[in-house]
Amino acid sequence: MSAQTPADLPGTGTATAGPAHPVREHEPRGLSQGQIVRRKFFDNTAAVVSLVMFALVFLLAFTSVGFAGIPGWWKYNHTEFLPLIDGGAPTITGPFSWGDHPFGQDSIGRDYFAMTMRGTQNSIIIMFIIGALAGLVGVVVGACSGYFRGWPEAVLMRFTDIIIIIPVVLAAATLGEAVNRFVGPGAQIWLLGLFLGLVLWTGLARLVRGEFLTLREREFVDAAKIAGASNARIIFKHILPNAVGVIIVNTTLLMSSAILLETALSYIGFGVKAPDVSLGLIISQNQEAFQTRPWLFWFPGLFIVLICLCINFIGDGLRDAFDPRQKKFNAARVKDVGEPAAA
């Protein structure tokens, strides 16, 4: 009786066998950290709507009256004196029927739409300057003080305490007088943004320091030290990416508060000054006409509230996207789980 080979046995193949675990065509692949963050952010409806609204406000402000010598599509500017039409009342009657002065005119005939767009430009520019500068300084100071212990931490934290006690309003008033005396009006918003950015980083530095104090004790930091990584590489390549969520979220919240601070300083006369305009300065110049011409408060106030709300909702969306503990609540799924299965 001849021995049977594996090829003669029933159910066996004669050629090369297929893979032990066949590859499924529709098997989901793993997502990178960036893809997960992006997907979670775009799942947040409020954050996406706020991002679109802020983009529309940004485009409207910077394309309507022009910027940096580039002319805009609107026919008036914020310094042009025009005859008053119907007492300066708004001429807008619908989304596609604006008239000559959709936001109205102030008491001396300037177009209020052009003034509001110019003020929105200045507020957004100051907001981005403060966010970038305060974010950079706060991250560097917080990272170095949280990673290096001993005298570097003591020096940086005492320097932070000194900056905290600076009276922002009084210092901004002094800076505003110096700007008006020695430089032109076009440099006001840039110098004001630089000054505020250099004094508003302290809160972010303390938060970043707290994150670094926690992350520097993790196992991946010890592994990087054993592998011979330098301190700079450990800080910027290993620890900082794990703290980026806290940094981005608090930077956006700082930018939102920066708009309110700039508005308050301009309102009391310590921020942007004439002949340039900002949203706070526009409201301050027309505060006596609140009872007779309330539209002079409607439009700059609307843009202040709109920008702040958009930045806050975007910050909330970034917080939810970067925090792995944040999960979207699904009421339908909870209801399905709670219902008993059908017999």
Protein backbone atom coordinates (compact mmCIF):
# COMPACT_ATOMS: atom_id res chain seq x y z
CA MET A 1 0.00 0.00 0.00
CA SER A 2 1.55 3.20 -1.21
CA ALA A 3 1.81 6.16 1.11
CA GLN A 4 -0.37 9.10 0.25
CA THR A 5 1.22 12.49 -0.23
CA PRO A 6 -0.39 15.63 1.15
CA ALA A 7 -1.48 16.51 -2.38
CA ASP A 8 -3.53 13.24 -2.64
CA LEU A 9 -5.44 13.88 0.58
CA PRO A 10 -8.93 15.29 0.12
CA GLY A 11 -9.32 19.01 0.63
CA THR A 12 -5.63 19.81 0.19
CA GLY A 13 -4.10 21.99 -2.49
CA THR A 14 -1.54 20.86 -4.99
CA ALA A 15 0.13 24.20 -5.58
CA THR A 16 1.26 26.94 -3.26
CA ALA A 17 -1.05 27.53 -0.34
CA GLY A 18 -2.71 30.87 0.17
CA PRO A 19 -1.92 33.16 3.08
CA ALA A 20 -2.89 31.95 6.51
CA HIS A 21 -4.77 35.25 7.16
CA PRO A 22 -6.26 36.61 3.95
CA VAL A 23 -6.20 40.39 3.54
CA ARG A 24 -9.60 42.01 3.62
CA GLU A 25 -10.17 44.64 0.98
CA HIS A 26 -12.26 46.94 3.18
CA GLU A 27 -10.35 46.50 6.41
CA PRO A 28 -9.96 49.95 8.11
CA ARG A 29 -6.47 51.28 8.42
CA GLY A 30 -4.99 53.05 11.42
CA LEU A 31 -5.25 56.84 11.54
CA SER A 32 -2.43 59.19 12.37
CA GLN A 33 -2.69 61.66 15.21
CA GLY A 34 -3.24 64.52 12.78
CA GLN A 35 -6.07 62.68 11.03
CA ILE A 36 -7.75 61.88 14.34
CA VAL A 37 -7.53 65.52 15.47
CA ARG A 38 -8.83 66.79 12.14
CA ARG A 39 -11.74 64.34 12.11
CA LYS A 40 -12.74 65.17 15.70
CA PHE A 41 -12.55 68.89 14.99
CA PHE A 42 -14.75 68.69 11.89
CA ASP A 43 -17.24 66.58 13.84
CA ASN A 44 -17.77 69.59 16.10
CA THR A 45 -20.51 71.55 14.34
CA ALA A 46 -20.13 74.73 16.42
CA ALA A 47 -16.37 74.87 15.80
CA VAL A 48 -16.74 74.35 12.04
CA VAL A 49 -19.48 76.99 11.73
CA SER A 50 -17.37 79.41 13.78
CA LEU A 51 -14.35 78.76 11.57
CA VAL A 52 -16.39 79.49 8.44
CA MET A 53 -17.90 82.62 9.99
CA PHE A 54 -14.50 83.95 11.06
CA ALA A 55 -13.11 83.29 7.58
CA LEU A 56 -16.00 85.26 6.06
CA VAL A 57 -15.46 88.17 8.48
CA PHE A 58 -11.72 88.12 7.71
CA LEU A 59 -12.29 88.19 3.94
CA LEU A 60 -14.95 90.90 4.20
CA ALA A 61 -12.72 93.16 6.31
CA PHE A 62 -9.52 92.78 4.30
CA THR A 63 -11.01 92.84 0.80
CA SER A 64 -13.64 95.56 1.19
CA VAL A 65 -11.53 98.60 2.09
CA GLY A 66 -8.14 97.20 1.02
CA PHE A 67 -5.01 96.55 3.02
CA ALA A 68 -1.29 97.49 2.80
CA GLY A 69 -1.80 99.73 -0.22
CA ILE A 70 -3.95 97.20 -2.09
CA PRO A 71 -7.30 98.83 -2.96
CA GLY A 72 -10.53 97.13 -2.00
CA TRP A 73 -13.84 96.77 -3.77
CA TRP A 74 -15.75 99.25 -1.56
CA LYS A 75 -16.03 102.78 -3.00
CA TYR A 76 -15.37 104.73 0.23
CA ASN A 77 -12.62 104.75 2.86
CA HIS A 78 -12.70 105.42 6.58
CA THR A 79 -11.31 108.99 6.34
CA GLU A 80 -13.46 110.39 3.54
CA PHE A 81 -16.03 113.06 4.48
CA LEU A 82 -19.30 112.79 2.58
CA PRO A 83 -22.66 114.64 2.63
CA LEU A 84 -25.10 113.17 5.14
CA ILE A 85 -27.92 111.15 3.58
CA ASP A 86 -31.15 110.80 5.57
CA GLY A 87 -29.42 111.87 8.76
CA GLY A 88 -26.78 109.16 8.37
CA ALA A 89 -29.24 106.26 8.73
CA PRO A 90 -28.25 102.82 7.32
CA THR A 91 -29.32 102.27 3.71
CA ILE A 92 -29.17 98.47 3.76
CA THR A 93 -32.57 96.90 3.08
CA GLY A 94 -31.60 93.30 2.31
CA PRO A 95 -28.66 90.96 1.73
CA PHE A 96 -28.30 92.17 -1.88
CA SER A 97 -29.54 95.75 -1.49
CA TRP A 98 -26.92 97.74 0.39
CA GLY A 99 -27.29 101.27 -0.93
CA ASP A 100 -24.60 103.94 -0.63
CA HIS A 101 -24.03 103.58 3.12
CA PRO A 102 -25.21 100.19 4.36
CA PHE A 103 -24.09 100.81 7.96
CA GLY A 104 -24.98 104.50 7.88
CA GLN A 105 -22.73 107.52 8.50
CA ASP A 106 -21.31 109.16 11.57
CA SER A 107 -21.99 112.77 12.57
CA ILE A 108 -19.36 114.20 10.18
CA GLY A 109 -20.36 112.11 7.17
CA ARG A 110 -17.81 109.29 7.14
CA ASP A 111 -19.03 105.96 5.80
CA TYR A 112 -19.66 103.66 8.74
CA PHE A 113 -19.17 100.44 6.80
CA ALA A 114 -15.65 101.51 5.81
CA MET A 115 -14.89 102.54 9.39
CA THR A 116 -16.20 99.26 10.80
CA MET A 117 -14.19 97.21 8.30
CA ARG A 118 -11.03 99.19 9.08
CA GLY A 119 -11.62 98.73 12.80
CA THR A 120 -12.16 94.99 12.28
CA GLN A 121 -8.86 94.83 10.40
CA ASN A 122 -6.98 96.48 13.24
CA SER A 123 -8.62 94.28 15.88
CA ILE A 124 -7.79 91.10 13.94
CA ILE A 125 -4.19 92.23 13.32
CA ILE A 126 -3.66 92.99 17.01
CA MET A 127 -5.29 89.67 17.92
CA PHE A 128 -2.90 87.68 15.72
CA ILE A 129 0.17 89.62 16.87
CA ILE A 130 -0.70 89.02 20.51
CA GLY A 131 -1.49 85.36 19.90
CA ALA A 132 1.76 84.68 18.03
CA LEU A 133 4.08 86.65 20.31
CA ALA A 134 2.51 85.70 23.64
CA GLY A 135 2.24 82.08 22.50
CA LEU A 136 5.92 81.93 21.52
CA VAL A 137 7.24 83.58 24.68
CA GLY A 138 4.88 81.65 26.94
CA VAL A 139 5.80 78.29 25.41
CA VAL A 140 9.56 78.92 25.59
CA VAL A 141 9.50 80.21 29.18
CA GLY A 142 7.08 77.54 30.38
CA ALA A 143 8.92 74.70 28.64
CA CYS A 144 12.34 75.69 29.94
CA SER A 145 11.14 76.31 33.49
CA GLY A 146 9.19 73.03 33.56
CA TYR A 147 11.97 70.86 32.15
CA PHE A 148 15.04 72.37 33.82
CA ARG A 149 14.85 72.37 37.60
CA GLY A 150 16.92 74.40 40.05
CA TRP A 151 18.11 77.92 39.30
CA PRO A 152 16.75 78.12 35.68
CA GLU A 153 13.24 77.44 36.95
CA ALA A 154 13.62 79.94 39.81
CA VAL A 155 14.92 82.72 37.52
CA LEU A 156 12.23 82.22 34.87
CA MET A 157 9.40 82.03 37.38
CA ARG A 158 10.55 85.15 39.24
CA PHE A 159 10.78 86.95 35.91
CA THR A 160 7.24 85.81 35.16
CA ASP A 161 6.07 87.17 38.52
CA ILE A 162 7.62 90.54 37.68
CA ILE A 163 5.78 90.73 34.34
CA ILE A 164 2.48 89.78 35.99
CA ILE A 165 2.51 92.85 38.26
CA ILE A 166 2.90 95.32 35.36
CA PRO A 167 -0.31 97.43 35.11
CA VAL A 168 -1.30 96.82 31.51
CA VAL A 169 -3.66 99.79 31.18
CA LEU A 170 -1.16 102.30 32.59
CA ALA A 171 1.71 100.95 30.50
CA ALA A 172 -0.46 100.92 27.35
CA ALA A 173 -1.43 104.54 28.00
CA THR A 174 2.23 105.55 28.25
CA LEU A 175 3.04 103.62 25.09
CA GLY A 176 0.12 105.22 23.25
CA GLU A 177 1.35 108.72 24.04
CA ALA A 178 4.87 107.82 22.88
CA VAL A 179 3.52 106.35 19.65
CA ASN A 180 1.48 109.46 18.86
CA ARG A 181 4.45 111.71 19.53
CA PHE A 182 7.30 109.92 17.79
CA VAL A 183 5.83 107.60 15.14
CA GLY A 184 3.05 107.77 12.58
CA PRO A 185 -0.50 106.54 13.12
CA GLY A 186 0.08 103.49 10.91
CA ALA A 187 2.46 101.99 13.48
CA GLN A 188 0.00 102.20 16.37
CA ILE A 189 -1.60 98.80 15.94
CA TRP A 190 1.73 97.03 15.45
CA LEU A 191 3.41 98.57 18.48
CA LEU A 192 0.29 98.08 20.60
CA GLY A 193 0.11 94.42 19.57
CA LEU A 194 3.82 93.90 20.29
CA PHE A 195 3.55 95.50 23.72
CA LEU A 196 0.46 93.55 24.74
CA GLY A 197 2.01 90.33 23.43
CA LEU A 198 5.08 90.91 25.61
CA VAL A 199 3.02 91.22 28.80
CA LEU A 200 0.16 88.73 28.27
CA TRP A 201 2.18 85.50 28.00
CA THR A 202 2.43 84.82 31.74
CA GLY A 203 -0.71 82.71 32.10
CA LEU A 204 0.25 80.47 29.19
CA ALA A 205 3.77 80.06 30.59
CA ARG A 206 2.40 78.78 33.90
CA LEU A 207 0.11 76.27 32.14
CA VAL A 208 2.93 74.99 29.90
CA ARG A 209 5.22 74.68 32.92
CA GLY A 210 2.63 72.54 34.69
CA GLU A 211 2.30 70.27 31.65
CA PHE A 212 6.08 69.88 31.36
CA LEU A 213 6.42 69.07 35.06
CA THR A 214 4.05 66.15 34.49
CA LEU A 215 5.37 64.96 31.13
CA ARG A 216 9.05 65.06 32.08
CA GLU A 217 8.46 62.16 34.49
CA ARG A 218 7.02 59.86 31.80
CA GLU A 219 8.77 56.74 30.53
CA PHE A 220 9.30 58.01 26.98
CA VAL A 221 11.41 60.89 28.34
CA ASP A 222 13.62 58.45 30.26
CA ALA A 223 13.93 56.34 27.13
CA ALA A 224 14.99 59.37 25.09
CA LYS A 225 17.63 60.27 27.70
CA ILE A 226 19.01 56.73 27.67
CA ALA A 227 19.15 56.84 23.87
CA GLY A 228 21.38 59.93 24.10
CA ALA A 229 18.91 62.60 22.97
CA SER A 230 19.84 66.18 23.80
CA ASN A 231 17.73 68.36 26.07
CA ALA A 232 16.56 70.49 23.12
CA ARG A 233 15.43 67.40 21.22
CA ILE A 234 13.59 66.02 24.24
CA ILE A 235 11.81 69.34 24.79
CA PHE A 236 10.80 70.09 21.20
CA LYS A 237 10.50 66.59 19.71
CA HIS A 238 9.14 64.51 22.58
CA ILE A 239 7.46 66.61 25.28
CA LEU A 240 6.16 69.61 23.32
CA PRO A 241 4.01 67.56 20.87
CA ASN A 242 2.26 65.99 23.86
CA ALA A 243 1.44 69.45 25.27
CA VAL A 244 0.32 71.01 21.98
CA GLY A 245 -3.35 70.63 22.89
CA VAL A 246 -3.05 72.84 25.98
CA ILE A 247 -0.93 75.34 24.05
CA ILE A 248 -3.29 75.73 21.09
CA VAL A 249 -6.45 75.93 23.17
CA ASN A 250 -5.10 78.52 25.59
CA THR A 251 -3.58 80.55 22.76
CA THR A 252 -6.97 80.83 21.06
CA LEU A 253 -8.57 81.89 24.33
CA LEU A 254 -5.78 84.43 24.78
CA MET A 255 -6.52 85.83 21.31
CA SER A 256 -10.18 86.20 22.20
CA SER A 257 -9.40 88.08 25.40
CA ALA A 258 -6.89 90.22 23.46
CA ILE A 259 -9.67 91.61 21.25
CA LEU A 260 -11.67 92.59 24.33
CA LEU A 261 -8.59 94.18 25.92
CA GLU A 262 -7.78 96.16 22.78
CA THR A 263 -11.40 97.27 22.54
CA ALA A 264 -11.39 98.42 26.15
CA LEU A 265 -8.09 100.30 25.77
CA SER A 266 -9.30 102.03 22.60
CA TYR A 267 -12.62 102.88 24.25
CA ILE A 268 -10.94 104.71 27.14
CA GLY A 269 -8.46 106.40 24.76
CA PHE A 270 -5.33 104.36 25.47
CA GLY A 271 -5.33 102.10 22.39
CA VAL A 272 -5.64 102.95 18.72
CA LYS A 273 -6.15 106.67 18.22
CA ALA A 274 -7.43 108.92 15.42
CA PRO A 275 -7.03 109.26 12.48
CA ASP A 276 -6.88 105.45 12.56
CA VAL A 277 -9.83 103.54 13.97
CA SER A 278 -10.62 100.38 15.87
CA LEU A 279 -13.92 98.87 16.96
CA GLY A 280 -13.55 100.16 20.50
CA LEU A 281 -12.58 103.65 19.30
CA ILE A 282 -15.60 103.79 16.97
CA ILE A 283 -17.95 103.07 19.88
CA SER A 284 -16.15 105.61 22.08
CA GLN A 285 -16.39 108.38 19.48
CA ASN A 286 -20.15 107.89 19.07
CA GLN A 287 -21.22 107.13 22.64
CA GLU A 288 -23.15 110.40 22.94
CA ALA A 289 -25.45 109.39 20.06
CA PHE A 290 -26.67 106.17 21.65
CA GLN A 291 -30.24 107.44 22.12
CA THR A 292 -30.65 109.15 18.75
CA ARG A 293 -28.61 106.94 16.38
CA PRO A 294 -28.26 103.48 17.94
CA TRP A 295 -26.95 101.92 14.72
CA LEU A 296 -23.60 103.52 15.50
CA PHE A 297 -23.30 100.88 18.24
CA TRP A 298 -24.98 97.96 16.51
CA PHE A 299 -22.42 97.19 13.83
CA PRO A 300 -19.06 97.57 15.68
CA GLY A 301 -20.56 95.78 18.69
CA LEU A 302 -21.85 93.01 16.44
CA PHE A 303 -18.41 92.41 14.96
CA ILE A 304 -16.74 92.45 18.40
CA VAL A 305 -19.16 89.82 19.70
CA LEU A 306 -18.97 87.78 16.48
CA ILE A 307 -15.16 87.60 16.43
CA CYS A 308 -14.92 86.73 20.13
CA LEU A 309 -17.57 84.02 19.87
CA CYS A 310 -15.93 82.49 16.79
CA ILE A 311 -12.50 82.37 18.44
CA ASN A 312 -13.96 80.86 21.63
CA PHE A 313 -15.88 78.15 19.77
CA ILE A 314 -12.82 77.35 17.64
CA GLY A 315 -10.79 77.02 20.84
CA ASP A 316 -13.41 74.68 22.32
CA GLY A 317 -13.30 72.56 19.17
CA LEU A 318 -9.51 72.35 19.31
CA ARG A 319 -9.67 71.37 22.98
CA ASP A 320 -12.07 68.53 22.22
CA ALA A 321 -9.99 67.44 19.22
CA PHE A 322 -6.66 67.31 21.05
CA ASP A 323 -7.97 65.81 24.29
CA PRO A 324 -8.34 62.01 23.90
CA ARG A 325 -10.66 61.91 26.93
CA GLN A 326 -13.25 64.06 25.16
CA LYS A 327 -15.84 61.92 23.37
CA LYS A 328 -18.93 63.06 21.52
CA PHE A 329 -22.15 62.11 23.33
CA ASN A 330 -24.50 60.09 21.14
CA ALA A 331 -27.99 59.90 22.68
CA ALA A 332 -29.29 57.53 19.99
CA ARG A 333 -26.55 55.03 20.71
CA VAL A 334 -27.22 55.14 24.45
CA LYS A 335 -30.91 54.58 23.78
CA ASP A 336 -30.20 51.60 21.54
CA VAL A 337 -27.96 50.06 24.15
CA GLY A 338 -30.51 50.55 26.90
CA GLU A 339 -33.39 48.94 25.00
CA PRO A 340 -33.82 45.17 25.52
CA ALA A 341 -33.18 42.97 22.53
CA ALA A 342 -36.25 41.67 20.64
CA ALA A 343 -37.12 38.05 21.25
